[in-house]
Amino acid sequence: MKPRHDDCLMRLSRIEGQVRGVSKMIGQERYCIDILTQLRAIRAALGKVETQVLKDHADHCIADAVRSGGEDEQRKKFSELIELFGRYTP
């Protein structure tokens, strides 16, 4: 497994624990602001994982397609990237 995958898995494991913690907080009827603060932290942590996966895709999948010289594969990967960015644009 690649070191970056290890990092993502570690982050996801931490996020999993955070989600369980928020679930307990809700069950304990903790203060709403505290719950919202934890939810914001979870979203930020997921954003970091998402960014890392995107960087890995660019570093490996897209770079490999460019190096391969195959125009069809290059177009396919470029289209995937454009579609992905389109999902994040309001």
Protein backbone atom coordinates (compact mmCIF):
# COMPACT_ATOMS: atom_id res chain seq x y z
CA MET A 1 0.00 0.00 0.00
CA LYS A 2 1.23 3.48 -0.83
CA PRO A 3 2.16 5.79 2.07
CA ARG A 4 -0.50 8.27 1.00
CA HIS A 5 -3.12 5.53 1.16
CA ASP A 6 -1.94 4.73 4.68
CA ASP A 7 -2.36 8.40 5.59
CA CYS A 8 -5.88 8.50 4.14
CA LEU A 9 -6.85 5.32 5.95
CA MET A 10 -5.49 6.71 9.21
CA ARG A 11 -7.44 9.93 8.72
CA LEU A 12 -10.61 8.02 7.89
CA SER A 13 -10.22 5.90 11.00
CA ARG A 14 -9.90 9.07 13.06
CA ILE A 15 -13.00 10.50 11.36
CA GLU A 16 -14.88 7.30 12.12
CA GLY A 17 -14.07 7.80 15.80
CA GLN A 18 -15.19 11.42 15.61
CA VAL A 19 -18.52 10.39 14.09
CA ARG A 20 -19.07 7.85 16.88
CA GLY A 21 -18.25 10.59 19.38
CA VAL A 22 -20.83 12.93 17.85
CA SER A 23 -23.39 10.15 17.95
CA LYS A 24 -22.74 9.74 21.68
CA MET A 25 -22.95 13.50 22.17
CA ILE A 26 -26.36 13.57 20.53
CA GLY A 27 -27.50 10.60 22.62
CA GLN A 28 -26.34 12.45 25.75
CA GLU A 29 -28.19 15.58 24.59
CA ARG A 30 -25.02 17.64 24.74
CA TYR A 31 -25.00 21.33 23.92
CA CYS A 32 -25.84 21.93 20.26
CA ILE A 33 -22.91 24.27 19.65
CA ASP A 34 -20.49 21.60 20.86
CA ILE A 35 -22.06 19.08 18.50
CA LEU A 36 -21.92 21.52 15.60
CA THR A 37 -18.27 22.25 16.36
CA GLN A 38 -17.47 18.55 16.14
CA LEU A 39 -19.46 18.18 12.92
CA ARG A 40 -17.47 21.05 11.39
CA ALA A 41 -14.23 19.29 12.41
CA ILE A 42 -15.44 16.09 10.72
CA ARG A 43 -16.25 17.97 7.52
CA ALA A 44 -12.83 19.61 7.53
CA ALA A 45 -11.12 16.25 8.07
CA LEU A 46 -13.10 14.69 5.22
CA GLY A 47 -12.10 17.62 3.02
CA LYS A 48 -8.44 16.85 3.70
CA VAL A 49 -8.93 13.21 2.71
CA GLU A 50 -10.77 14.31 -0.41
CA THR A 51 -7.96 16.69 -1.34
CA GLN A 52 -5.35 13.96 -0.85
CA VAL A 53 -7.27 11.51 -3.03
CA LEU A 54 -7.59 14.15 -5.74
CA LYS A 55 -3.86 14.91 -5.55
CA ASP A 56 -3.08 11.21 -5.78
CA HIS A 57 -5.32 10.93 -8.83
CA ALA A 58 -3.51 13.81 -10.50
CA ASP A 59 -0.06 12.57 -9.48
CA HIS A 60 -0.60 9.01 -10.60
CA CYS A 61 -3.60 8.36 -12.83
CA ILE A 62 -3.46 11.52 -14.90
CA ALA A 63 0.33 11.68 -14.99
CA ASP A 64 0.43 8.05 -16.16
CA ALA A 65 -2.05 8.83 -18.93
CA VAL A 66 0.06 11.79 -20.07
CA ARG A 67 3.26 9.72 -20.01
CA SER A 68 1.61 6.86 -21.90
CA GLY A 69 1.24 9.03 -24.97
CA GLY A 70 -2.17 7.48 -25.69
CA GLU A 71 -4.46 10.30 -26.77
CA ASP A 72 -7.64 8.36 -25.96
CA GLU A 73 -6.50 7.68 -22.40
CA GLN A 74 -5.38 11.30 -22.00
CA ARG A 75 -8.76 12.58 -23.18
CA LYS A 76 -10.58 10.15 -20.87
CA LYS A 77 -8.61 11.22 -17.79
CA PHE A 78 -8.92 14.89 -18.68
CA SER A 79 -12.69 14.50 -19.09
CA GLU A 80 -12.91 12.74 -15.73
CA LEU A 81 -11.07 15.62 -14.11
CA ILE A 82 -13.27 18.27 -15.74
CA GLU A 83 -16.40 16.36 -14.67
CA LEU A 84 -15.07 16.10 -11.12
CA PHE A 85 -14.39 19.83 -10.91
CA GLY A 86 -17.88 20.47 -12.30
CA ARG A 87 -19.37 18.64 -9.33
CA TYR A 88 -17.67 21.03 -6.93
CA THR A 89 -18.63 24.24 -8.69
CA PRO A 90 -21.92 25.77 -7.50
